[in-house]
Amino acid sequence: MHLRTSLLLLLPLPGLAAKPVDYLEKCWQQQGQPLQGRYAAFSYQEQTQELGHSQYPWQTTPYTKKGTAWLSGQRYVRQDTLTQGSKTYYSQTQVGPGRCCSSITGRKPWLRPRPNCWPRSW
C-alpha cells in the first residue's frame, strides 16, 4: 500500500503542469513597460543587392536603405529612405490605436501629412 501511495505522489497532476513561458510578455516587462509613456528610437542603414522582376532574373539591383523607427507602448512610427541609383523614395508607416497608415512616395511625405491619417501629436 505504501508503494502505491508513493507512485501516485510522483505522477504529475494536470493542474500543476508547467505553464509555457510567454516570451512576448516577458520582453514587454523588461523593455516596453519601463518606457512609461516615453518612446525608444532606433536608426539603421544598410546596403543591399536584391533580385528583381526582369528578363534577367539573376541580375541584382543595389539599394541603400536607411531610416528611423520610434516605438512606445501605444505607437510605432517608421520613416525610411530607399535609394537606387539617382532615384530616392521615402516611406512612412504608423501603427497605433485605431490607426494603421503607410505611404510611399518620391517626396518626403512627412513634410505634408494627410490630416485624416497622421495625428497632430506623438
N, C-alpha and C. Protein backbone atom coordinates (compact mmCIF):
# COMPACT_ATOMS: atom_id res chain seq x y z
N MET A 1 0.82 -1.20 0.00
CA MET A 1 0.00 0.00 0.00
C MET A 1 0.87 1.26 0.00
N HIS A 2 1.94 1.19 0.75
CA HIS A 2 2.83 2.34 0.85
C HIS A 2 3.46 2.65 -0.51
N LEU A 3 3.77 1.62 -1.29
CA LEU A 3 4.37 1.79 -2.61
C LEU A 3 3.40 2.47 -3.58
N ARG A 4 2.12 2.11 -3.53
CA ARG A 4 1.11 2.74 -4.40
C ARG A 4 0.97 4.22 -4.09
N THR A 5 0.95 4.58 -2.85
CA THR A 5 0.82 5.98 -2.45
C THR A 5 2.03 6.77 -2.95
N SER A 6 3.20 6.19 -2.84
CA SER A 6 4.42 6.87 -3.30
C SER A 6 4.39 7.09 -4.80
N LEU A 7 3.92 6.10 -5.55
CA LEU A 7 3.83 6.25 -7.00
C LEU A 7 2.83 7.32 -7.40
N LEU A 8 1.72 7.41 -6.72
CA LEU A 8 0.73 8.44 -7.02
C LEU A 8 1.27 9.84 -6.76
N LEU A 9 2.08 9.96 -5.76
CA LEU A 9 2.66 11.27 -5.46
C LEU A 9 3.70 11.69 -6.49
N LEU A 10 4.30 10.74 -7.18
CA LEU A 10 5.30 11.05 -8.19
C LEU A 10 4.66 11.45 -9.53
N LEU A 11 3.42 11.07 -9.76
CA LEU A 11 2.75 11.40 -11.02
C LEU A 11 2.38 12.88 -11.03
N PRO A 12 2.63 13.57 -12.13
CA PRO A 12 2.28 15.00 -12.18
C PRO A 12 0.76 15.18 -12.28
N LEU A 13 0.27 16.16 -11.59
CA LEU A 13 -1.15 16.49 -11.65
C LEU A 13 -1.38 17.46 -12.80
N PRO A 14 -2.48 17.31 -13.55
CA PRO A 14 -2.74 18.20 -14.70
C PRO A 14 -2.80 19.67 -14.32
N GLY A 15 -3.34 19.99 -13.19
CA GLY A 15 -3.46 21.39 -12.77
C GLY A 15 -2.13 22.02 -12.40
N LEU A 16 -1.15 21.17 -12.09
CA LEU A 16 0.16 21.69 -11.69
C LEU A 16 1.20 21.60 -12.81
N ALA A 17 0.74 21.35 -14.02
CA ALA A 17 1.66 21.24 -15.16
C ALA A 17 2.36 22.58 -15.38
N ALA A 18 3.56 22.53 -15.88
CA ALA A 18 4.35 23.75 -16.11
C ALA A 18 3.68 24.61 -17.18
N LYS A 19 3.53 25.88 -16.88
CA LYS A 19 2.94 26.83 -17.83
C LYS A 19 4.03 27.25 -18.81
N PRO A 20 3.74 27.26 -20.12
CA PRO A 20 4.77 27.68 -21.08
C PRO A 20 5.14 29.15 -20.87
N VAL A 21 6.38 29.46 -21.13
CA VAL A 21 6.87 30.82 -20.96
C VAL A 21 6.29 31.71 -22.05
N ASP A 22 5.72 32.84 -21.66
CA ASP A 22 5.19 33.82 -22.61
C ASP A 22 6.31 34.82 -22.89
N TYR A 23 7.09 34.57 -23.94
CA TYR A 23 8.26 35.39 -24.23
C TYR A 23 7.90 36.81 -24.61
N LEU A 24 6.76 37.00 -25.27
CA LEU A 24 6.34 38.35 -25.63
C LEU A 24 6.03 39.17 -24.38
N GLU A 25 5.33 38.58 -23.43
CA GLU A 25 5.03 39.26 -22.18
C GLU A 25 6.30 39.56 -21.40
N LYS A 26 7.22 38.60 -21.38
CA LYS A 26 8.48 38.78 -20.68
C LYS A 26 9.29 39.92 -21.30
N CYS A 27 9.31 39.98 -22.63
CA CYS A 27 10.01 41.06 -23.34
C CYS A 27 9.37 42.41 -23.02
N TRP A 28 8.04 42.46 -23.01
CA TRP A 28 7.34 43.71 -22.71
C TRP A 28 7.68 44.18 -21.29
N GLN A 29 7.70 43.27 -20.33
CA GLN A 29 8.00 43.65 -18.95
C GLN A 29 9.42 44.19 -18.83
N GLN A 30 10.36 43.64 -19.57
CA GLN A 30 11.75 44.06 -19.46
C GLN A 30 12.07 45.30 -20.29
N GLN A 31 11.40 45.47 -21.45
CA GLN A 31 11.81 46.54 -22.36
C GLN A 31 10.73 47.57 -22.62
N GLY A 32 9.48 47.18 -22.69
CA GLY A 32 8.42 48.12 -23.03
C GLY A 32 7.86 48.88 -21.86
N GLN A 33 7.57 48.17 -20.79
CA GLN A 33 6.96 48.79 -19.62
C GLN A 33 7.82 49.89 -19.01
N PRO A 34 9.15 49.74 -18.94
CA PRO A 34 9.97 50.81 -18.37
C PRO A 34 9.91 52.13 -19.14
N LEU A 35 9.43 52.12 -20.38
CA LEU A 35 9.33 53.37 -21.14
C LEU A 35 8.34 54.34 -20.50
N GLN A 36 7.28 53.85 -19.89
CA GLN A 36 6.30 54.65 -19.15
C GLN A 36 5.88 55.91 -19.90
N GLY A 37 5.32 55.76 -21.09
CA GLY A 37 4.82 56.90 -21.85
C GLY A 37 5.86 57.55 -22.75
N ARG A 38 7.11 57.21 -22.59
CA ARG A 38 8.14 57.73 -23.47
C ARG A 38 8.29 56.80 -24.66
N TYR A 39 9.26 57.03 -25.51
CA TYR A 39 9.48 56.16 -26.66
C TYR A 39 10.95 55.85 -26.83
N ALA A 40 11.21 54.78 -27.56
CA ALA A 40 12.59 54.39 -27.90
C ALA A 40 12.76 54.62 -29.40
N ALA A 41 13.91 55.11 -29.81
CA ALA A 41 14.19 55.37 -31.22
C ALA A 41 15.33 54.46 -31.68
N PHE A 42 15.15 53.88 -32.86
CA PHE A 42 16.16 53.00 -33.45
C PHE A 42 16.44 53.50 -34.86
N SER A 43 17.70 53.68 -35.20
CA SER A 43 18.09 54.09 -36.55
C SER A 43 18.88 52.97 -37.20
N TYR A 44 18.78 52.89 -38.52
CA TYR A 44 19.52 51.85 -39.24
C TYR A 44 19.94 52.36 -40.60
N GLN A 45 20.94 51.70 -41.17
CA GLN A 45 21.40 51.98 -42.53
C GLN A 45 21.98 50.68 -43.07
N GLU A 46 21.64 50.34 -44.31
CA GLU A 46 22.15 49.11 -44.91
C GLU A 46 22.27 49.24 -46.42
N GLN A 47 23.15 48.45 -46.97
CA GLN A 47 23.34 48.34 -48.41
C GLN A 47 22.87 46.94 -48.80
N THR A 48 22.02 46.83 -49.81
CA THR A 48 21.54 45.51 -50.22
C THR A 48 21.68 45.32 -51.72
N GLN A 49 21.71 44.10 -52.13
CA GLN A 49 21.67 43.69 -53.53
C GLN A 49 20.45 42.78 -53.64
N GLU A 50 19.42 43.23 -54.34
CA GLU A 50 18.18 42.47 -54.38
C GLU A 50 17.86 41.99 -55.79
N LEU A 51 17.30 40.80 -55.84
CA LEU A 51 16.82 40.28 -57.12
C LEU A 51 15.51 40.96 -57.46
N GLY A 52 15.30 41.21 -58.74
CA GLY A 52 14.07 41.88 -59.15
C GLY A 52 13.33 41.09 -60.20
N HIS A 53 12.21 41.62 -60.62
CA HIS A 53 11.42 41.00 -61.68
C HIS A 53 11.88 41.61 -63.01
N SER A 54 12.64 40.85 -63.77
CA SER A 54 13.12 41.34 -65.05
C SER A 54 13.35 40.15 -65.97
N GLN A 55 13.72 40.46 -67.20
CA GLN A 55 14.00 39.37 -68.13
C GLN A 55 15.32 38.67 -67.80
N TYR A 56 16.11 39.27 -66.91
CA TYR A 56 17.36 38.68 -66.44
C TYR A 56 17.24 38.49 -64.92
N PRO A 57 16.58 37.43 -64.48
CA PRO A 57 16.29 37.28 -63.04
C PRO A 57 17.52 37.08 -62.16
N TRP A 58 18.67 36.83 -62.74
CA TRP A 58 19.89 36.64 -61.95
C TRP A 58 20.57 37.97 -61.63
N GLN A 59 20.15 39.05 -62.28
CA GLN A 59 20.77 40.35 -62.03
C GLN A 59 20.23 40.94 -60.73
N THR A 60 21.12 41.56 -60.00
CA THR A 60 20.72 42.20 -58.75
C THR A 60 20.71 43.72 -58.92
N THR A 61 19.92 44.36 -58.08
CA THR A 61 19.84 45.82 -58.07
C THR A 61 20.35 46.31 -56.72
N PRO A 62 21.32 47.25 -56.73
CA PRO A 62 21.83 47.76 -55.44
C PRO A 62 20.89 48.80 -54.85
N TYR A 63 20.65 48.73 -53.56
CA TYR A 63 19.82 49.69 -52.84
C TYR A 63 20.57 50.16 -51.61
N THR A 64 20.35 51.41 -51.25
CA THR A 64 20.80 51.96 -49.98
C THR A 64 19.54 52.25 -49.19
N LYS A 65 19.45 51.68 -48.00
CA LYS A 65 18.27 51.87 -47.16
C LYS A 65 18.70 52.47 -45.84
N LYS A 66 17.93 53.44 -45.37
CA LYS A 66 18.18 54.00 -44.05
C LYS A 66 16.87 54.53 -43.49
N GLY A 67 16.80 54.58 -42.19
CA GLY A 67 15.57 55.05 -41.57
C GLY A 67 15.66 55.07 -40.07
N THR A 68 14.55 55.49 -39.49
CA THR A 68 14.41 55.56 -38.04
C THR A 68 13.04 55.04 -37.67
N ALA A 69 12.98 54.30 -36.58
CA ALA A 69 11.71 53.81 -36.05
C ALA A 69 11.58 54.29 -34.61
N TRP A 70 10.38 54.74 -34.26
CA TRP A 70 10.07 55.16 -32.90
C TRP A 70 9.03 54.20 -32.36
N LEU A 71 9.23 53.73 -31.14
CA LEU A 71 8.37 52.72 -30.57
C LEU A 71 8.01 53.09 -29.14
N SER A 72 6.72 53.09 -28.85
CA SER A 72 6.25 53.29 -27.48
C SER A 72 5.29 52.16 -27.17
N GLY A 73 4.68 52.21 -26.01
CA GLY A 73 3.72 51.18 -25.66
C GLY A 73 2.44 51.25 -26.47
N GLN A 74 2.20 52.39 -27.12
CA GLN A 74 0.96 52.59 -27.86
C GLN A 74 1.15 52.78 -29.36
N ARG A 75 2.33 53.21 -29.80
CA ARG A 75 2.51 53.53 -31.22
C ARG A 75 3.84 53.01 -31.76
N TYR A 76 3.82 52.84 -33.08
CA TYR A 76 5.03 52.50 -33.83
C TYR A 76 5.04 53.42 -35.05
N VAL A 77 6.09 54.19 -35.22
CA VAL A 77 6.24 55.07 -36.37
C VAL A 77 7.60 54.79 -36.99
N ARG A 78 7.62 54.68 -38.32
CA ARG A 78 8.88 54.41 -39.02
C ARG A 78 8.96 55.29 -40.26
N GLN A 79 10.12 55.92 -40.47
CA GLN A 79 10.40 56.69 -41.67
C GLN A 79 11.61 56.08 -42.34
N ASP A 80 11.48 55.78 -43.63
CA ASP A 80 12.54 55.12 -44.38
C ASP A 80 12.90 55.92 -45.62
N THR A 81 14.12 55.76 -46.07
CA THR A 81 14.58 56.28 -47.34
C THR A 81 15.21 55.13 -48.10
N LEU A 82 14.80 54.95 -49.34
CA LEU A 82 15.32 53.89 -50.20
C LEU A 82 15.90 54.57 -51.43
N THR A 83 17.19 54.36 -51.68
CA THR A 83 17.85 54.98 -52.83
C THR A 83 18.36 53.89 -53.75
N GLN A 84 18.04 54.08 -55.04
CA GLN A 84 18.51 53.15 -56.07
C GLN A 84 18.97 54.01 -57.24
N GLY A 85 20.29 54.08 -57.40
CA GLY A 85 20.84 54.96 -58.43
C GLY A 85 20.54 56.41 -58.09
N SER A 86 19.89 57.13 -59.02
CA SER A 86 19.55 58.53 -58.79
C SER A 86 18.14 58.69 -58.22
N LYS A 87 17.41 57.60 -58.06
CA LYS A 87 16.04 57.66 -57.55
C LYS A 87 16.03 57.48 -56.03
N THR A 88 15.25 58.30 -55.36
CA THR A 88 15.09 58.20 -53.91
C THR A 88 13.60 58.14 -53.59
N TYR A 89 13.24 57.17 -52.78
CA TYR A 89 11.86 57.01 -52.37
C TYR A 89 11.79 57.13 -50.85
N TYR A 90 10.70 57.70 -50.35
CA TYR A 90 10.51 57.89 -48.93
C TYR A 90 9.25 57.14 -48.52
N SER A 91 9.27 56.59 -47.34
CA SER A 91 8.07 55.94 -46.83
C SER A 91 7.91 56.26 -45.36
N GLN A 92 6.67 56.25 -44.93
CA GLN A 92 6.36 56.44 -43.52
C GLN A 92 5.25 55.46 -43.18
N THR A 93 5.40 54.81 -42.05
CA THR A 93 4.40 53.86 -41.57
C THR A 93 4.08 54.20 -40.13
N GLN A 94 2.81 54.19 -39.81
CA GLN A 94 2.40 54.43 -38.43
C GLN A 94 1.35 53.41 -38.04
N VAL A 95 1.55 52.80 -36.90
CA VAL A 95 0.58 51.86 -36.35
C VAL A 95 0.32 52.28 -34.91
N GLY A 96 -0.95 52.43 -34.58
CA GLY A 96 -1.34 52.82 -33.24
C GLY A 96 -2.78 52.47 -32.99
N PRO A 97 -3.31 52.90 -31.87
CA PRO A 97 -4.71 52.59 -31.55
C PRO A 97 -5.66 53.15 -32.62
N GLY A 98 -6.32 52.27 -33.32
CA GLY A 98 -7.29 52.69 -34.32
C GLY A 98 -6.69 53.23 -35.60
N ARG A 99 -5.38 53.17 -35.77
CA ARG A 99 -4.75 53.70 -36.97
C ARG A 99 -3.69 52.76 -37.51
N CYS A 100 -3.66 52.64 -38.80
CA CYS A 100 -2.59 51.92 -39.48
C CYS A 100 -2.43 52.61 -40.83
N CYS A 101 -1.43 53.44 -40.97
CA CYS A 101 -1.23 54.23 -42.17
C CYS A 101 0.14 53.96 -42.75
N SER A 102 0.22 54.01 -44.05
CA SER A 102 1.50 53.84 -44.72
C SER A 102 1.48 54.63 -46.01
N SER A 103 2.57 55.26 -46.34
CA SER A 103 2.67 55.95 -47.63
C SER A 103 4.08 55.83 -48.16
N ILE A 104 4.18 55.67 -49.47
CA ILE A 104 5.46 55.59 -50.16
C ILE A 104 5.39 56.58 -51.29
N THR A 105 6.40 57.42 -51.42
CA THR A 105 6.37 58.46 -52.44
C THR A 105 7.78 58.88 -52.81
N GLY A 106 7.89 59.67 -53.87
CA GLY A 106 9.17 60.21 -54.30
C GLY A 106 9.51 61.50 -53.58
N ARG A 107 8.60 62.01 -52.78
CA ARG A 107 8.89 63.21 -51.97
C ARG A 107 8.66 62.86 -50.50
N LYS A 108 9.19 63.64 -49.63
CA LYS A 108 9.08 63.34 -48.21
C LYS A 108 7.63 63.51 -47.75
N PRO A 109 6.92 62.42 -47.45
CA PRO A 109 5.52 62.53 -47.08
C PRO A 109 5.31 63.18 -45.72
N TRP A 110 6.32 63.15 -44.85
CA TRP A 110 6.11 63.71 -43.53
C TRP A 110 6.20 65.23 -43.52
N LEU A 111 6.55 65.83 -44.67
CA LEU A 111 6.51 67.30 -44.75
C LEU A 111 5.07 67.78 -44.93
N ARG A 112 4.22 66.96 -45.56
CA ARG A 112 2.81 67.29 -45.75
C ARG A 112 1.96 66.08 -45.35
N PRO A 113 1.72 65.91 -44.08
CA PRO A 113 0.95 64.74 -43.67
C PRO A 113 -0.51 64.85 -44.08
N ARG A 114 -1.11 63.70 -44.32
CA ARG A 114 -2.54 63.68 -44.61
C ARG A 114 -3.28 63.93 -43.31
N PRO A 115 -4.13 64.95 -43.23
CA PRO A 115 -4.73 65.33 -41.96
C PRO A 115 -5.60 64.25 -41.32
N ASN A 116 -6.25 63.42 -42.10
CA ASN A 116 -7.13 62.42 -41.50
C ASN A 116 -6.38 61.14 -41.17
N CYS A 117 -5.11 61.06 -41.45
CA CYS A 117 -4.35 59.84 -41.19
C CYS A 117 -3.34 60.04 -40.08
N TRP A 118 -2.51 61.05 -40.17
CA TRP A 118 -1.44 61.25 -39.19
C TRP A 118 -1.93 62.14 -38.06
N PRO A 119 -1.75 61.74 -36.83
CA PRO A 119 -2.17 62.59 -35.71
C PRO A 119 -1.26 63.81 -35.60
N ARG A 120 -1.79 64.87 -35.02
CA ARG A 120 -1.01 66.10 -34.88
C ARG A 120 0.07 65.99 -33.81
N SER A 121 -0.12 65.10 -32.86
CA SER A 121 0.90 64.98 -31.81
C SER A 121 1.33 63.52 -31.69
N TRP A 122 2.49 63.32 -31.20
CA TRP A 122 3.04 61.98 -30.99
C TRP A 122 2.39 61.42 -29.77
